N, C-alpha and C. Protein backbone atom coordinates (compact mmCIF):
# COMPACT_ATOMS: atom_id res chain seq x y z
N UNK A 1 38.30 87.63 144.70
CA UNK A 1 38.57 86.62 143.73
C UNK A 1 40.05 86.53 143.43
N UNK A 2 40.51 85.35 143.26
CA UNK A 2 41.91 85.09 143.02
C UNK A 2 42.19 85.14 141.51
N UNK A 3 43.41 85.41 141.17
CA UNK A 3 43.81 85.48 139.76
C UNK A 3 43.68 84.10 139.12
N UNK A 4 43.90 83.06 139.92
CA UNK A 4 43.85 81.71 139.37
C UNK A 4 42.42 81.21 139.13
N UNK A 5 41.47 81.80 139.80
CA UNK A 5 40.08 81.34 139.67
C UNK A 5 39.22 82.30 138.89
N UNK A 6 39.72 83.46 138.58
CA UNK A 6 38.91 84.45 137.85
C UNK A 6 38.70 83.96 136.42
N UNK A 7 37.48 84.10 135.92
CA UNK A 7 37.14 83.62 134.58
C UNK A 7 36.77 84.78 133.67
N UNK A 8 37.17 84.64 132.42
CA UNK A 8 36.83 85.63 131.40
C UNK A 8 36.19 84.84 130.27
N UNK A 9 34.87 85.09 130.06
CA UNK A 9 34.09 84.41 129.02
C UNK A 9 34.21 82.89 129.12
N UNK A 10 34.24 82.40 130.28
CA UNK A 10 34.24 80.97 130.50
C UNK A 10 35.62 80.35 130.57
N UNK A 11 36.70 81.14 130.42
CA UNK A 11 38.07 80.61 130.52
C UNK A 11 38.75 81.26 131.72
N UNK A 12 39.58 80.47 132.39
CA UNK A 12 40.33 81.05 133.51
C UNK A 12 41.38 82.01 132.95
N UNK A 13 41.64 83.07 133.66
CA UNK A 13 42.60 84.09 133.24
C UNK A 13 44.00 83.49 133.10
N UNK A 14 44.39 82.57 133.96
CA UNK A 14 45.70 81.93 133.91
C UNK A 14 45.82 81.13 132.61
N UNK A 15 44.75 80.46 132.20
CA UNK A 15 44.79 79.70 130.96
C UNK A 15 44.97 80.62 129.76
N UNK A 16 44.30 81.77 129.76
CA UNK A 16 44.43 82.72 128.65
C UNK A 16 45.84 83.30 128.58
N UNK A 17 46.41 83.65 129.75
CA UNK A 17 47.78 84.18 129.77
C UNK A 17 48.76 83.11 129.28
N UNK A 18 48.61 81.88 129.73
CA UNK A 18 49.47 80.78 129.29
C UNK A 18 49.37 80.54 127.80
N UNK A 19 48.13 80.58 127.26
CA UNK A 19 47.93 80.41 125.82
C UNK A 19 48.60 81.54 125.04
N UNK A 20 48.50 82.76 125.55
CA UNK A 20 49.15 83.91 124.89
C UNK A 20 50.67 83.76 124.88
N UNK A 21 51.25 83.34 126.01
CA UNK A 21 52.70 83.12 126.06
C UNK A 21 53.12 82.00 125.12
N UNK A 22 52.32 80.96 125.03
CA UNK A 22 52.62 79.85 124.14
C UNK A 22 52.65 80.32 122.68
N UNK A 23 51.69 81.16 122.29
CA UNK A 23 51.65 81.69 120.92
C UNK A 23 52.87 82.57 120.67
N UNK A 24 53.26 83.40 121.64
CA UNK A 24 54.43 84.28 121.48
C UNK A 24 55.70 83.43 121.33
N UNK A 25 55.82 82.38 122.15
CA UNK A 25 57.00 81.51 122.06
C UNK A 25 57.05 80.80 120.71
N UNK A 26 55.90 80.31 120.24
CA UNK A 26 55.86 79.64 118.94
C UNK A 26 56.28 80.58 117.82
N UNK A 27 55.77 81.82 117.85
CA UNK A 27 56.15 82.80 116.82
C UNK A 27 57.65 83.14 116.91
N UNK A 28 58.17 83.27 118.13
CA UNK A 28 59.59 83.59 118.31
C UNK A 28 60.48 82.49 117.77
N UNK A 29 60.13 81.23 118.06
CA UNK A 29 60.92 80.11 117.56
C UNK A 29 60.85 80.05 116.03
N UNK A 30 59.67 80.29 115.48
CA UNK A 30 59.50 80.28 114.02
C UNK A 30 60.37 81.36 113.37
N UNK A 31 60.35 82.58 113.93
CA UNK A 31 61.15 83.67 113.36
C UNK A 31 62.65 83.38 113.51
N UNK A 32 63.05 82.84 114.66
CA UNK A 32 64.47 82.52 114.86
C UNK A 32 64.92 81.45 113.87
N UNK A 33 64.07 80.45 113.65
CA UNK A 33 64.41 79.38 112.71
C UNK A 33 64.50 79.92 111.28
N UNK A 34 63.61 80.83 110.93
CA UNK A 34 63.62 81.43 109.60
C UNK A 34 64.90 82.25 109.39
N UNK A 35 65.26 83.05 110.39
CA UNK A 35 66.48 83.86 110.27
C UNK A 35 67.72 82.97 110.23
N UNK A 36 67.72 81.89 111.01
CA UNK A 36 68.86 80.97 110.99
C UNK A 36 68.97 80.31 109.61
N UNK A 37 67.85 79.98 109.00
CA UNK A 37 67.87 79.40 107.65
C UNK A 37 68.46 80.36 106.63
N UNK A 38 68.10 81.62 106.76
CA UNK A 38 68.67 82.62 105.83
C UNK A 38 70.17 82.75 106.03
N UNK A 39 70.60 82.77 107.29
CA UNK A 39 72.02 82.87 107.56
C UNK A 39 72.75 81.63 107.06
N UNK A 40 72.15 80.46 107.23
CA UNK A 40 72.75 79.23 106.73
C UNK A 40 72.92 79.31 105.21
N UNK A 41 71.90 79.84 104.53
CA UNK A 41 71.99 79.98 103.06
C UNK A 41 73.10 80.96 102.68
N UNK A 42 73.22 82.04 103.44
CA UNK A 42 74.28 83.02 103.16
C UNK A 42 75.65 82.41 103.41
N UNK A 43 75.79 81.64 104.48
CA UNK A 43 77.06 80.99 104.78
C UNK A 43 77.42 80.00 103.67
N UNK A 44 76.44 79.24 103.20
CA UNK A 44 76.69 78.29 102.11
C UNK A 44 77.13 79.03 100.85
N UNK A 45 76.53 80.18 100.58
CA UNK A 45 76.89 80.97 99.40
C UNK A 45 78.34 81.45 99.51
N UNK A 46 78.71 81.96 100.69
CA UNK A 46 80.08 82.44 100.89
C UNK A 46 81.07 81.28 100.78
N UNK A 47 80.71 80.12 101.33
CA UNK A 47 81.60 78.96 101.23
C UNK A 47 81.78 78.53 99.78
N UNK A 48 80.72 78.62 98.97
CA UNK A 48 80.85 78.30 97.54
C UNK A 48 81.79 79.30 96.85
N UNK A 49 81.66 80.58 97.23
CA UNK A 49 82.54 81.58 96.65
C UNK A 49 84.00 81.32 97.03
N UNK A 50 84.22 80.94 98.29
CA UNK A 50 85.59 80.65 98.75
C UNK A 50 86.15 79.46 97.98
N UNK A 51 85.32 78.43 97.80
CA UNK A 51 85.76 77.24 97.07
C UNK A 51 86.11 77.60 95.62
N UNK A 52 85.28 78.44 95.00
CA UNK A 52 85.55 78.86 93.62
C UNK A 52 86.84 79.67 93.54
N UNK A 53 87.06 80.56 94.52
CA UNK A 53 88.28 81.36 94.51
C UNK A 53 89.52 80.49 94.72
N UNK A 54 89.41 79.48 95.59
CA UNK A 54 90.54 78.58 95.80
C UNK A 54 90.85 77.81 94.52
N UNK A 55 89.80 77.39 93.82
CA UNK A 55 90.01 76.69 92.54
C UNK A 55 90.69 77.63 91.55
N UNK A 56 90.28 78.88 91.54
CA UNK A 56 90.88 79.86 90.62
C UNK A 56 92.34 80.12 90.99
N UNK A 57 92.63 80.16 92.30
CA UNK A 57 94.00 80.36 92.74
C UNK A 57 94.87 79.18 92.29
N UNK A 58 94.34 77.96 92.45
CA UNK A 58 95.11 76.79 92.00
C UNK A 58 95.36 76.84 90.50
N UNK A 59 94.35 77.27 89.75
CA UNK A 59 94.51 77.38 88.30
C UNK A 59 95.57 78.42 87.94
N UNK A 60 95.54 79.56 88.62
CA UNK A 60 96.53 80.61 88.35
C UNK A 60 97.94 80.16 88.75
N UNK A 61 98.05 79.42 89.86
CA UNK A 61 99.35 78.91 90.26
C UNK A 61 99.89 77.92 89.23
N UNK A 62 99.02 77.10 88.69
CA UNK A 62 99.44 76.16 87.65
C UNK A 62 99.88 76.92 86.40
N UNK A 63 99.16 77.98 86.06
CA UNK A 63 99.53 78.77 84.89
C UNK A 63 100.87 79.46 85.10
N UNK A 64 101.10 79.99 86.30
CA UNK A 64 102.38 80.63 86.60
C UNK A 64 103.51 79.61 86.52
N UNK A 65 103.27 78.42 87.07
CA UNK A 65 104.29 77.38 87.01
C UNK A 65 104.62 77.04 85.55
N UNK A 66 103.61 76.99 84.71
CA UNK A 66 103.85 76.71 83.28
C UNK A 66 104.63 77.85 82.63
N UNK A 67 104.24 79.09 82.92
CA UNK A 67 104.89 80.24 82.28
C UNK A 67 106.33 80.43 82.76
N UNK A 68 106.65 79.95 83.97
CA UNK A 68 107.99 80.16 84.52
C UNK A 68 108.94 79.00 84.23
N UNK A 69 108.54 78.06 83.42
CA UNK A 69 109.43 76.93 83.11
C UNK A 69 110.67 77.44 82.38
N UNK A 70 111.84 77.07 82.88
CA UNK A 70 113.08 77.57 82.26
C UNK A 70 113.20 77.21 80.78
N UNK A 71 112.76 76.02 80.41
CA UNK A 71 112.85 75.63 79.00
C UNK A 71 111.99 76.52 78.11
N UNK A 72 110.81 76.85 78.58
CA UNK A 72 109.91 77.74 77.81
C UNK A 72 110.52 79.14 77.68
N UNK A 73 111.05 79.65 78.78
CA UNK A 73 111.64 80.99 78.75
C UNK A 73 112.85 81.01 77.82
N UNK A 74 113.64 79.93 77.84
CA UNK A 74 114.79 79.86 76.96
C UNK A 74 114.35 79.84 75.49
N UNK A 75 113.32 79.04 75.17
CA UNK A 75 112.81 79.01 73.79
C UNK A 75 112.32 80.38 73.35
N UNK A 76 111.59 81.07 74.23
CA UNK A 76 111.10 82.41 73.88
C UNK A 76 112.25 83.39 73.68
N UNK A 77 113.27 83.31 74.54
CA UNK A 77 114.41 84.22 74.43
C UNK A 77 115.15 83.99 73.11
N UNK A 78 115.30 82.75 72.73
CA UNK A 78 115.99 82.45 71.48
C UNK A 78 115.14 82.88 70.29
N UNK A 79 113.84 82.57 70.34
CA UNK A 79 112.97 82.84 69.20
C UNK A 79 112.73 84.33 69.00
N UNK A 80 112.33 85.03 70.05
CA UNK A 80 111.91 86.42 69.87
C UNK A 80 113.00 87.44 70.15
N UNK A 81 113.90 87.16 71.09
CA UNK A 81 114.92 88.14 71.45
C UNK A 81 116.27 87.83 70.80
N UNK A 82 116.34 86.71 70.08
CA UNK A 82 117.57 86.29 69.39
C UNK A 82 118.73 86.19 70.37
N UNK A 83 118.45 85.69 71.57
CA UNK A 83 119.50 85.52 72.58
C UNK A 83 120.13 84.14 72.42
N UNK A 84 121.35 84.02 72.89
CA UNK A 84 122.06 82.75 72.83
C UNK A 84 122.54 82.39 74.22
N UNK A 85 122.89 81.13 74.40
CA UNK A 85 123.43 80.70 75.69
C UNK A 85 124.80 81.32 75.88
N UNK A 86 125.17 81.52 77.13
CA UNK A 86 126.45 82.14 77.46
C UNK A 86 127.55 81.09 77.33
N UNK A 87 128.55 81.44 76.57
CA UNK A 87 129.67 80.53 76.38
C UNK A 87 130.61 80.56 77.58
N UNK A 88 131.49 79.59 77.64
CA UNK A 88 132.43 79.50 78.76
C UNK A 88 133.41 80.66 78.77
N UNK A 89 133.72 81.21 77.58
CA UNK A 89 134.67 82.33 77.51
C UNK A 89 134.09 83.61 78.10
N UNK A 90 132.76 83.67 78.31
CA UNK A 90 132.11 84.86 78.85
C UNK A 90 131.92 84.78 80.37
N UNK A 91 132.26 83.65 80.96
CA UNK A 91 132.08 83.49 82.39
C UNK A 91 133.24 84.13 83.13
N UNK A 92 132.95 84.66 84.30
CA UNK A 92 133.99 85.32 85.09
C UNK A 92 134.74 84.30 85.93
N UNK A 93 136.02 84.58 86.13
CA UNK A 93 136.82 83.71 86.99
C UNK A 93 136.67 84.17 88.43
N UNK A 94 137.19 83.39 89.34
CA UNK A 94 137.10 83.73 90.77
C UNK A 94 137.84 85.03 91.04
N UNK A 95 138.99 85.23 90.42
CA UNK A 95 139.78 86.45 90.64
C UNK A 95 139.02 87.68 90.16
N UNK A 96 138.34 87.56 89.02
CA UNK A 96 137.56 88.70 88.51
C UNK A 96 136.41 89.04 89.45
N UNK A 97 135.76 88.03 90.02
CA UNK A 97 134.66 88.28 90.95
C UNK A 97 135.17 88.96 92.20
N UNK A 98 136.37 88.54 92.68
CA UNK A 98 136.96 89.16 93.87
C UNK A 98 137.29 90.62 93.59
N UNK A 99 137.83 90.91 92.40
CA UNK A 99 138.14 92.30 92.03
C UNK A 99 136.88 93.16 91.99
N UNK A 100 135.80 92.63 91.45
CA UNK A 100 134.53 93.38 91.39
C UNK A 100 134.00 93.63 92.80
N UNK A 101 134.11 92.63 93.67
CA UNK A 101 133.63 92.78 95.04
C UNK A 101 134.45 93.83 95.79
N UNK A 102 135.76 93.87 95.56
CA UNK A 102 136.61 94.86 96.24
C UNK A 102 136.33 96.27 95.74
N UNK A 103 135.98 96.39 94.48
CA UNK A 103 135.71 97.72 93.91
C UNK A 103 134.44 98.32 94.50
N UNK A 104 133.51 97.48 94.92
CA UNK A 104 132.27 97.99 95.51
C UNK A 104 131.27 98.38 94.44
N UNK A 105 130.15 98.89 94.89
CA UNK A 105 129.12 99.26 93.92
C UNK A 105 129.54 100.49 93.13
N UNK A 106 129.04 100.64 91.92
CA UNK A 106 129.41 101.81 91.12
C UNK A 106 128.88 103.08 91.77
N UNK A 107 129.62 104.16 91.55
CA UNK A 107 129.23 105.45 92.14
C UNK A 107 127.99 105.98 91.41
N UNK A 108 127.09 106.52 92.20
CA UNK A 108 125.87 107.08 91.61
C UNK A 108 126.06 108.57 91.38
N UNK A 109 125.52 109.05 90.29
CA UNK A 109 125.56 110.48 90.02
C UNK A 109 124.50 111.15 90.88
N UNK A 110 124.88 112.26 91.48
CA UNK A 110 123.94 112.95 92.37
C UNK A 110 123.01 113.80 91.52
N UNK A 111 121.74 113.47 91.57
CA UNK A 111 120.74 114.22 90.81
C UNK A 111 120.16 115.30 91.72
N UNK A 112 120.06 116.53 91.21
CA UNK A 112 119.48 117.59 92.04
C UNK A 112 117.99 117.37 92.21
N UNK A 113 117.50 117.75 93.36
CA UNK A 113 116.06 117.63 93.59
C UNK A 113 115.34 118.78 92.89
N UNK A 114 114.06 118.64 92.73
CA UNK A 114 113.27 119.67 92.06
C UNK A 114 113.28 120.95 92.86
N UNK A 115 113.23 120.84 94.18
CA UNK A 115 113.23 122.04 95.03
C UNK A 115 114.57 122.75 94.94
N UNK A 116 115.69 121.97 94.96
CA UNK A 116 117.01 122.58 94.87
C UNK A 116 117.19 123.29 93.54
N UNK A 117 116.68 122.70 92.47
CA UNK A 117 116.80 123.33 91.16
C UNK A 117 116.01 124.62 91.09
N UNK A 118 114.86 124.68 91.76
CA UNK A 118 114.08 125.92 91.76
C UNK A 118 114.76 127.00 92.57
N UNK A 119 115.38 126.61 93.68
CA UNK A 119 116.04 127.59 94.55
C UNK A 119 117.28 128.15 93.88
N UNK A 120 118.08 127.27 93.27
CA UNK A 120 119.31 127.72 92.64
C UNK A 120 119.07 128.33 91.26
N UNK A 121 117.88 128.18 90.74
CA UNK A 121 117.57 128.76 89.44
C UNK A 121 118.05 127.92 88.29
N UNK A 122 118.15 126.62 88.50
CA UNK A 122 118.59 125.73 87.42
C UNK A 122 117.57 125.73 86.28
N UNK A 123 118.08 125.46 85.09
CA UNK A 123 117.21 125.48 83.92
C UNK A 123 116.25 124.29 83.91
N UNK A 124 116.77 123.11 84.16
CA UNK A 124 115.95 121.91 84.07
C UNK A 124 115.60 121.43 85.47
N UNK A 125 114.34 121.22 85.71
CA UNK A 125 113.88 120.69 86.99
C UNK A 125 113.50 119.24 86.75
N UNK A 126 114.12 118.30 87.49
CA UNK A 126 113.80 116.88 87.27
C UNK A 126 112.33 116.60 87.54
N UNK A 127 111.70 115.89 86.65
CA UNK A 127 110.31 115.50 86.83
C UNK A 127 109.31 116.54 86.38
N UNK A 128 109.78 117.73 85.98
CA UNK A 128 108.86 118.79 85.54
C UNK A 128 109.21 119.13 84.10
N UNK A 129 108.26 119.04 83.19
CA UNK A 129 108.58 119.36 81.79
C UNK A 129 108.83 120.85 81.65
N UNK A 130 109.71 121.22 80.73
CA UNK A 130 109.99 122.65 80.54
C UNK A 130 108.79 123.35 79.91
N UNK A 131 108.64 124.64 80.17
CA UNK A 131 107.51 125.35 79.57
C UNK A 131 107.72 125.50 78.06
N UNK A 132 106.63 125.60 77.31
CA UNK A 132 106.79 125.76 75.85
C UNK A 132 107.36 127.14 75.53
N UNK A 133 108.04 127.24 74.40
CA UNK A 133 108.56 128.57 74.03
C UNK A 133 107.41 129.54 73.77
N UNK A 134 107.65 130.82 73.97
CA UNK A 134 106.55 131.80 73.83
C UNK A 134 105.95 131.83 72.44
N UNK A 135 106.72 131.60 71.38
CA UNK A 135 106.16 131.68 70.03
C UNK A 135 105.35 130.44 69.67
N UNK A 136 105.42 129.39 70.47
CA UNK A 136 104.68 128.18 70.15
C UNK A 136 103.18 128.39 70.34
N UNK A 137 102.80 129.20 71.31
CA UNK A 137 101.39 129.47 71.57
C UNK A 137 101.16 130.98 71.57
N UNK A 138 101.07 131.59 70.38
CA UNK A 138 100.87 133.05 70.37
C UNK A 138 99.50 133.39 70.95
N UNK A 139 99.49 134.51 71.64
CA UNK A 139 98.26 134.98 72.27
C UNK A 139 97.61 135.99 71.34
N UNK A 140 96.35 135.77 71.05
CA UNK A 140 95.61 136.70 70.21
C UNK A 140 94.66 137.50 71.09
N UNK A 141 94.71 138.76 70.93
CA UNK A 141 93.82 139.63 71.70
C UNK A 141 92.63 139.98 70.82
N UNK A 142 91.46 139.72 71.32
CA UNK A 142 90.25 140.02 70.56
C UNK A 142 89.94 141.50 70.72
N UNK A 143 89.60 142.13 69.61
CA UNK A 143 89.22 143.53 69.66
C UNK A 143 87.71 143.63 69.64
N UNK A 144 87.21 144.47 70.50
CA UNK A 144 85.76 144.65 70.58
C UNK A 144 85.32 145.61 69.48
N UNK A 145 84.29 145.25 68.79
CA UNK A 145 83.73 146.11 67.75
C UNK A 145 82.49 146.77 68.33
N UNK A 146 82.53 148.09 68.41
CA UNK A 146 81.40 148.82 68.96
C UNK A 146 80.56 149.29 67.79
N UNK A 147 79.28 148.87 67.75
CA UNK A 147 78.45 149.32 66.62
C UNK A 147 78.15 150.83 66.73
N UNK A 148 78.11 151.46 65.59
CA UNK A 148 77.86 152.91 65.55
C UNK A 148 76.38 153.15 65.82
N UNK A 149 76.12 154.23 66.55
CA UNK A 149 74.74 154.59 66.88
C UNK A 149 74.09 155.22 65.63
N UNK A 150 72.82 154.91 65.40
CA UNK A 150 72.16 155.51 64.24
C UNK A 150 72.02 157.02 64.44
N UNK A 151 72.32 157.70 63.43
CA UNK A 151 72.17 159.15 63.44
C UNK A 151 73.41 159.85 63.90
N UNK A 152 74.43 159.12 64.28
CA UNK A 152 75.67 159.77 64.75
C UNK A 152 76.53 160.03 63.53
N UNK A 153 77.33 161.09 63.59
CA UNK A 153 78.22 161.42 62.49
C UNK A 153 79.41 160.50 62.49
N UNK A 154 79.78 160.15 61.28
CA UNK A 154 80.92 159.25 61.19
C UNK A 154 82.13 159.97 60.77
């Protein structure tokens, strides 16, 4: 008997195999479509989040632009810091600027490193607070009290 003509309960075996493959394909397409729908929903959610963040960025940029307005900063400086505009007598001339440029940057004081101060035995180590004086935290030694045994002579 051939595979194409063999019958099982009145159905040809080829028809049963074809029907089984058709059911598997239908289920596979259904599952793929369901997963694609979930991914589409997730993508839409992320796109909404991106849109909201872009709107927030635009809002923050507008706020920064408002806060950085020179007129506003000048009003705040005058009101709260009691600053005044610089007069013409306080401006430097070209010759003064040239003299400052020729002098170069101011000399920096050489600060010892913490390791160098420890090696040389310096008193103050930069970045490390000094230890407290010994009398600031007196140490109390607890004395143990041994109870006397009953019947022992005192």
